[in-house]
Amino acid sequence: MAITRWRPFRDLVSIQDEMNRLFEDFFGHTPVRTGWTEGVWSPSVDVSEDKDNVIIKAEMPGMKKEDVNISVQDNVLILKGEKKEEKEEKEKNYHRIERSYGSFCRSLQLPTTVKTDKIKASYKDGVLNVTLPKTEEVKPKEIPINIE
């Protein structure tokens, strides 16, 4: 009998696949309903910083820049918007709809204070980039040491 290495994560994935198959076999394919996923999504966000800026990147595929609102209040960045649902054709027989639609609001505590009047935002290829310049008192300052 050969000894095999136990890989718990691979086992978990196979268990999940088996559970999904069992549920689909038992309940059958669930009918697609309009609005099933409405209001249950929120964009994924990365927050980073360099010596001069705090940088926010948010994934918002399929959205228009007009559907997104950005504000800063009490050192909290607020992203609000709505991803509108595409209208399906009634004659089509959908087997699965996994894309989510609806309104979202993300509040992100900023790691440092920023200059709210100098914030810049751009939107390209479904990714929102927000650059928030740090205030002068937050930037690191070098203090020379005099040797006597």
Protein backbone atom coordinates (compact mmCIF):
# COMPACT_ATOMS: atom_id res chain seq x y z
CA MET A 1 0.00 0.00 0.00
CA ALA A 2 1.45 3.35 -1.06
CA ILE A 3 1.57 6.32 1.30
CA THR A 4 0.00 9.46 -0.13
CA ARG A 5 0.44 12.96 1.14
CA TRP A 6 -2.65 14.57 2.67
CA ARG A 7 -3.48 17.91 1.11
CA PRO A 8 -6.35 19.41 3.12
CA PHE A 9 -7.07 22.35 0.80
CA ARG A 10 -7.38 20.12 -2.25
CA ASP A 11 -9.72 17.90 -0.24
CA LEU A 12 -11.85 20.90 0.74
CA VAL A 13 -12.21 21.97 -2.88
CA SER A 14 -13.26 18.49 -3.93
CA ILE A 15 -15.75 18.33 -1.04
CA GLN A 16 -17.22 21.69 -2.10
CA ASP A 17 -17.55 20.47 -5.71
CA GLU A 18 -19.26 17.29 -4.51
CA MET A 19 -21.68 19.27 -2.30
CA ASN A 20 -22.57 21.57 -5.22
CA ARG A 21 -23.23 18.54 -7.41
CA LEU A 22 -25.42 16.92 -4.73
CA PHE A 23 -27.51 20.08 -4.28
CA GLU A 24 -27.97 20.45 -8.03
CA ASP A 25 -28.96 16.77 -8.33
CA PHE A 26 -31.45 17.05 -5.47
CA PHE A 27 -33.03 20.43 -6.19
CA GLY A 28 -32.46 20.50 -9.94
CA HIS A 29 -31.43 23.67 -11.69
CA THR A 30 -32.99 26.67 -10.02
CA PRO A 31 -34.92 29.01 -12.30
CA VAL A 32 -33.35 32.33 -13.08
CA ARG A 33 -35.19 35.26 -11.54
CA THR A 34 -34.78 38.88 -12.51
CA GLY A 35 -33.35 40.86 -9.61
CA TRP A 36 -31.97 37.73 -7.92
CA THR A 37 -28.57 39.32 -7.36
CA GLU A 38 -29.67 42.94 -7.14
CA GLY A 39 -28.12 44.93 -4.30
CA VAL A 40 -25.69 42.26 -3.11
CA TRP A 41 -22.41 43.47 -4.52
CA SER A 42 -19.61 45.75 -3.48
CA PRO A 43 -16.48 46.62 -5.47
CA SER A 44 -13.16 45.09 -4.42
CA VAL A 45 -10.73 47.75 -3.22
CA ASP A 46 -6.94 48.03 -2.77
CA VAL A 47 -5.55 50.75 -0.46
CA SER A 48 -1.85 51.60 -0.59
CA GLU A 49 0.39 54.56 0.06
CA ASP A 50 3.73 56.00 -0.89
CA LYS A 51 5.58 58.92 0.70
CA ASP A 52 3.29 61.53 -0.93
CA ASN A 53 -0.09 59.88 -1.59
CA VAL A 54 -2.70 57.40 -0.49
CA ILE A 55 -3.82 55.38 -3.53
CA ILE A 56 -7.18 53.64 -3.85
CA LYS A 57 -7.99 51.20 -6.66
CA ALA A 58 -11.53 49.85 -6.94
CA GLU A 59 -12.78 47.28 -9.44
CA MET A 60 -16.05 48.41 -11.00
CA PRO A 61 -16.45 46.47 -14.25
CA GLY A 62 -19.36 47.38 -16.47
CA MET A 63 -19.99 50.73 -14.78
CA LYS A 64 -19.91 54.23 -16.23
CA LYS A 65 -18.01 56.99 -14.45
CA GLU A 66 -21.28 58.92 -14.16
CA ASP A 67 -22.66 56.15 -11.94
CA VAL A 68 -19.93 56.58 -9.28
CA ASN A 69 -19.72 59.26 -6.58
CA ILE A 70 -16.57 59.90 -4.50
CA SER A 71 -16.40 61.98 -1.32
CA VAL A 72 -14.17 62.40 1.74
CA GLN A 73 -15.55 63.23 5.16
CA ASP A 74 -13.71 63.08 8.51
CA ASN A 75 -10.76 61.21 6.94
CA VAL A 76 -13.08 58.56 5.46
CA LEU A 77 -13.29 57.97 1.70
CA ILE A 78 -16.83 57.15 0.59
CA LEU A 79 -17.50 55.42 -2.72
CA LYS A 80 -21.14 55.27 -3.78
CA GLY A 81 -22.67 54.07 -6.98
CA GLU A 82 -25.02 51.81 -8.80
CA LYS A 83 -24.33 49.06 -11.28
CA LYS A 84 -27.37 48.89 -13.49
CA GLU A 85 -28.73 45.52 -14.57
CA GLU A 86 -28.66 44.71 -18.25
CA LYS A 87 -32.10 43.86 -19.56
CA GLU A 88 -32.30 40.23 -20.64
CA GLU A 89 -34.27 39.06 -23.61
CA LYS A 90 -37.38 37.19 -22.50
CA GLU A 91 -36.94 34.48 -25.16
CA LYS A 92 -33.54 33.40 -23.82
CA ASN A 93 -33.30 30.48 -21.45
CA TYR A 94 -30.62 31.41 -18.91
CA HIS A 95 -28.88 28.61 -17.05
CA ARG A 96 -26.88 30.77 -14.66
CA ILE A 97 -26.57 34.44 -13.75
CA GLU A 98 -23.66 35.20 -11.45
CA ARG A 99 -23.00 38.87 -12.12
CA SER A 100 -24.30 41.19 -9.41
CA TYR A 101 -26.11 44.48 -9.79
CA GLY A 102 -27.46 47.21 -7.57
CA SER A 103 -26.35 50.06 -5.36
CA PHE A 104 -23.25 50.02 -3.19
CA CYS A 105 -21.59 52.24 -0.62
CA ARG A 106 -18.03 51.62 0.58
CA SER A 107 -16.55 53.65 3.46
CA LEU A 108 -12.78 53.38 3.82
CA GLN A 109 -10.91 54.83 6.79
CA LEU A 110 -7.83 56.53 5.35
CA PRO A 111 -4.51 55.63 7.01
CA THR A 112 -3.48 59.29 7.23
CA THR A 113 -4.90 62.78 6.70
CA VAL A 114 -5.13 64.00 3.11
CA LYS A 115 -5.58 67.24 1.20
CA THR A 116 -9.23 67.00 0.16
CA ASP A 117 -8.96 69.85 -2.35
CA LYS A 118 -6.17 68.04 -4.30
CA ILE A 119 -7.82 64.61 -4.76
CA LYS A 120 -7.67 63.19 -8.29
CA ALA A 121 -9.69 60.32 -9.72
CA SER A 122 -9.61 58.47 -13.03
CA TYR A 123 -11.59 55.56 -14.43
CA LYS A 124 -10.25 53.21 -17.09
CA ASP A 125 -10.96 49.60 -18.08
CA GLY A 126 -13.34 49.06 -15.16
CA VAL A 127 -10.87 50.24 -12.50
CA LEU A 128 -11.33 53.44 -10.50
CA ASN A 129 -8.03 55.03 -9.37
CA VAL A 130 -8.19 57.67 -6.63
CA THR A 131 -5.03 59.54 -5.60
CA LEU A 132 -5.23 61.40 -2.30
CA PRO A 133 -2.21 63.63 -1.52
CA LYS A 134 -1.04 63.52 2.09
CA THR A 135 -0.98 66.70 4.15
CA GLU A 136 2.40 68.28 4.81
CA GLU A 137 2.44 67.52 8.54
CA VAL A 138 2.06 63.81 7.81
CA LYS A 139 4.91 63.51 5.32
CA PRO A 140 8.16 62.32 6.88
CA LYS A 141 10.69 65.08 7.44
CA GLU A 142 14.40 64.65 7.81
CA ILE A 143 16.04 66.66 10.54
CA PRO A 144 19.77 67.19 10.21
CA ILE A 145 21.89 66.47 13.27
CA ASN A 146 24.68 68.87 14.07
CA ILE A 147 27.84 67.36 15.50
CA GLU A 148 29.61 69.55 18.02
